[in-house]
């Protein structure tokens, strides 16, 4: 619904909700990847090894998981600070770009350490 449906509100809020939900989906995918690796490791080796290799995307998972809260909260806060929707939309768009860049950087670090 958040990605395809009708989200009511100003464009900055709609952008924040949609981007937050898209990043939440990335968090869910990384969680699935960690569970899959852990399941294979548990079936093929000792439990200590499984616990050691399972959290290889933990940083990326955490960063992207919180976007669904952070980005709409920013849009809500901006709505109370200024009535200029164009400014709010630009700020939210910049925040989304920074959030995606930060998540990509964390993903690169996580994969390099794996």
C-alpha atoms as a PDB file:
ATOM      1  CA  UNK A   1       0.000   0.000   0.000  1.00  0.00           C
ATOM      2  CA  UNK A   2       2.802   2.430   0.870  1.00  0.00           C
ATOM      3  CA  UNK A   3       4.551   1.913  -2.458  1.00  0.00           C
ATOM      4  CA  UNK A   4       1.620   1.607  -4.862  1.00  0.00           C
ATOM      5  CA  UNK A   5      -1.455   2.812  -3.028  1.00  0.00           C
ATOM      6  CA  UNK A   6      -2.792   6.221  -2.261  1.00  0.00           C
ATOM      7  CA  UNK A   7      -0.872   7.715   0.625  1.00  0.00           C
ATOM      8  CA  UNK A   8      -2.646  10.798   1.894  1.00  0.00           C
ATOM      9  CA  UNK A   9      -0.623  13.846   2.797  1.00  0.00           C
ATOM     10  CA  UNK A  10       1.804  16.391   1.445  1.00  0.00           C
ATOM     11  CA  UNK A  11       4.383  15.218  -1.124  1.00  0.00           C
ATOM     12  CA  UNK A  12       7.211  15.367   1.437  1.00  0.00           C
ATOM     13  CA  UNK A  13       5.339  13.007   3.745  1.00  0.00           C
ATOM     14  CA  UNK A  14       4.432  10.646   0.907  1.00  0.00           C
ATOM     15  CA  UNK A  15       8.095  10.533  -0.153  1.00  0.00           C
ATOM     16  CA  UNK A  16       9.220   9.845   3.422  1.00  0.00           C
ATOM     17  CA  UNK A  17       6.702   7.023   3.894  1.00  0.00           C
ATOM     18  CA  UNK A  18       7.497   5.382   0.560  1.00  0.00           C
ATOM     19  CA  UNK A  19      11.265   5.652   0.934  1.00  0.00           C
ATOM     20  CA  UNK A  20      11.074   4.419   4.525  1.00  0.00           C
ATOM     21  CA  UNK A  21       9.017   1.421   3.458  1.00  0.00           C
ATOM     22  CA  UNK A  22      11.372   0.624   0.564  1.00  0.00           C
ATOM     23  CA  UNK A  23      14.317   0.659   2.963  1.00  0.00           C
ATOM     24  CA  UNK A  24      12.316  -1.513   5.367  1.00  0.00           C
ATOM     25  CA  UNK A  25      11.993  -4.071   2.569  1.00  0.00           C
ATOM     26  CA  UNK A  26      15.787  -4.002   2.161  1.00  0.00           C
ATOM     27  CA  UNK A  27      16.076  -4.617   5.919  1.00  0.00           C
ATOM     28  CA  UNK A  28      13.736  -7.586   5.670  1.00  0.00           C
ATOM     29  CA  UNK A  29      15.741  -9.002   2.753  1.00  0.00           C
ATOM     30  CA  UNK A  30      18.989  -8.696   4.705  1.00  0.00           C
ATOM     31  CA  UNK A  31      17.328 -10.419   7.662  1.00  0.00           C
ATOM     32  CA  UNK A  32      16.269 -13.275   5.415  1.00  0.00           C
ATOM     33  CA  UNK A  33      19.835 -13.557   4.070  1.00  0.00           C
ATOM     34  CA  UNK A  34      21.254 -13.739   7.601  1.00  0.00           C
ATOM     35  CA  UNK A  35      18.707 -16.385   8.606  1.00  0.00           C
ATOM     36  CA  UNK A  36      19.490 -18.431   5.499  1.00  0.00           C
ATOM     37  CA  UNK A  37      23.245 -18.308   6.171  1.00  0.00           C
ATOM     38  CA  UNK A  38      22.670 -19.195   9.817  1.00  0.00           C
ATOM     39  CA  UNK A  39      20.420 -22.107   8.967  1.00  0.00           C
ATOM     40  CA  UNK A  40      22.950 -23.568   6.552  1.00  0.00           C
ATOM     41  CA  UNK A  41      25.761 -23.036   9.074  1.00  0.00           C
ATOM     42  CA  UNK A  42      23.787 -24.742  11.860  1.00  0.00           C
ATOM     43  CA  UNK A  43      23.128 -27.776   9.672  1.00  0.00           C
ATOM     44  CA  UNK A  44      26.700 -28.101   8.432  1.00  0.00           C
ATOM     45  CA  UNK A  45      28.805 -27.241  11.453  1.00  0.00           C
ATOM     46  CA  UNK A  46      28.963 -26.392  15.137  1.00  0.00           C
ATOM     47  CA  UNK A  47      26.602 -23.851  16.674  1.00  0.00           C
ATOM     48  CA  UNK A  48      29.483 -21.517  17.570  1.00  0.00           C
ATOM     49  CA  UNK A  49      30.382 -21.213  13.893  1.00  0.00           C
ATOM     50  CA  UNK A  50      26.761 -20.475  12.979  1.00  0.00           C
ATOM     51  CA  UNK A  51      26.571 -17.661  15.522  1.00  0.00           C
ATOM     52  CA  UNK A  52      29.866 -16.253  14.235  1.00  0.00           C
ATOM     53  CA  UNK A  53      28.816 -16.054  10.580  1.00  0.00           C
ATOM     54  CA  UNK A  54      25.127 -15.199  10.880  1.00  0.00           C
ATOM     55  CA  UNK A  55      25.348 -11.484  11.731  1.00  0.00           C
ATOM     56  CA  UNK A  56      27.340 -10.432   8.686  1.00  0.00           C
ATOM     57  CA  UNK A  57      24.657  -7.914   7.634  1.00  0.00           C
ATOM     58  CA  UNK A  58      23.661  -6.750  11.109  1.00  0.00           C
ATOM     59  CA  UNK A  59      24.750  -3.130  10.552  1.00  0.00           C
ATOM     60  CA  UNK A  60      22.923  -2.812   7.234  1.00  0.00           C
ATOM     61  CA  UNK A  61      19.865  -4.502   8.722  1.00  0.00           C
ATOM     62  CA  UNK A  62      19.794  -2.048  11.624  1.00  0.00           C
ATOM     63  CA  UNK A  63      20.295   1.076   9.522  1.00  0.00           C
ATOM     64  CA  UNK A  64      17.647   0.202   6.964  1.00  0.00           C
ATOM     65  CA  UNK A  65      15.191  -1.099   9.547  1.00  0.00           C
ATOM     66  CA  UNK A  66      14.960   2.297  11.234  1.00  0.00           C
ATOM     67  CA  UNK A  67      14.311   4.286   8.040  1.00  0.00           C
ATOM     68  CA  UNK A  68      10.603   3.525   8.331  1.00  0.00           C
ATOM     69  CA  UNK A  69      10.595   5.568  11.549  1.00  0.00           C
ATOM     70  CA  UNK A  70      13.254   8.206  10.909  1.00  0.00           C
ATOM     71  CA  UNK A  71      12.143   9.525   7.512  1.00  0.00           C
ATOM     72  CA  UNK A  72       8.434  10.009   8.337  1.00  0.00           C
ATOM     73  CA  UNK A  73       9.436  11.557  11.676  1.00  0.00           C
ATOM     74  CA  UNK A  74      11.603  14.044   9.800  1.00  0.00           C
ATOM     75  CA  UNK A  75       8.702  14.901   7.466  1.00  0.00           C
ATOM     76  CA  UNK A  76       6.386  15.312  10.466  1.00  0.00           C
ATOM     77  CA  UNK A  77       8.883  17.558  12.250  1.00  0.00           C
ATOM     78  CA  UNK A  78       9.454  19.697   9.147  1.00  0.00           C
ATOM     79  CA  UNK A  79       5.704  20.100   8.671  1.00  0.00           C
ATOM     80  CA  UNK A  80       5.530  21.724  12.080  1.00  0.00           C
ATOM     81  CA  UNK A  81       8.514  24.002  11.402  1.00  0.00           C
ATOM     82  CA  UNK A  82       7.746  25.455   7.975  1.00  0.00           C
ATOM     83  CA  UNK A  83       4.752  25.810   5.688  1.00  0.00           C
ATOM     84  CA  UNK A  84       6.890  25.810   2.521  1.00  0.00           C
ATOM     85  CA  UNK A  85       6.181  22.399   1.001  1.00  0.00           C
ATOM     86  CA  UNK A  86       8.853  22.791  -1.681  1.00  0.00           C
ATOM     87  CA  UNK A  87      11.487  23.274   1.012  1.00  0.00           C
ATOM     88  CA  UNK A  88      10.189  20.333   3.031  1.00  0.00           C
ATOM     89  CA  UNK A  89      10.211  18.115  -0.055  1.00  0.00           C
ATOM     90  CA  UNK A  90      13.805  19.089  -0.894  1.00  0.00           C
ATOM     91  CA  UNK A  91      14.951  18.424   2.667  1.00  0.00           C
ATOM     92  CA  UNK A  92      13.217  15.033   2.775  1.00  0.00           C
ATOM     93  CA  UNK A  93      14.618  14.156  -0.657  1.00  0.00           C
ATOM     94  CA  UNK A  94      18.112  15.052   0.575  1.00  0.00           C
ATOM     95  CA  UNK A  95      17.583  12.988   3.716  1.00  0.00           C
ATOM     96  CA  UNK A  96      16.449  10.007   1.645  1.00  0.00           C
ATOM     97  CA  UNK A  97      19.524  10.334  -0.580  1.00  0.00           C
ATOM     98  CA  UNK A  98      21.814  10.520   2.452  1.00  0.00           C
ATOM     99  CA  UNK A  99      20.044   7.590   4.092  1.00  0.00           C
ATOM    100  CA  UNK A 100      20.422   5.439   0.973  1.00  0.00           C
ATOM    101  CA  UNK A 101      24.090   6.448   0.612  1.00  0.00           C
ATOM    102  CA  UNK A 102      24.700   5.660   4.287  1.00  0.00           C
ATOM    103  CA  UNK A 103      22.972   2.300   3.981  1.00  0.00           C
ATOM    104  CA  UNK A 104      25.044   1.481   0.887  1.00  0.00           C
ATOM    105  CA  UNK A 105      28.242   2.419   2.740  1.00  0.00           C
ATOM    106  CA  UNK A 106      27.295   0.235   5.713  1.00  0.00           C
ATOM    107  CA  UNK A 107      26.454  -2.616   3.323  1.00  0.00           C
ATOM    108  CA  UNK A 108      29.851  -2.271   1.633  1.00  0.00           C
ATOM    109  CA  UNK A 109      31.614  -2.368   5.008  1.00  0.00           C
ATOM    110  CA  UNK A 110      29.551  -5.360   6.160  1.00  0.00           C
ATOM    111  CA  UNK A 111      30.288  -7.305   2.986  1.00  0.00           C
ATOM    112  CA  UNK A 112      33.992  -6.424   3.104  1.00  0.00           C
ATOM    113  CA  UNK A 113      34.228  -7.766   6.655  1.00  0.00           C
ATOM    114  CA  UNK A 114      32.294 -10.963   5.878  1.00  0.00           C
END
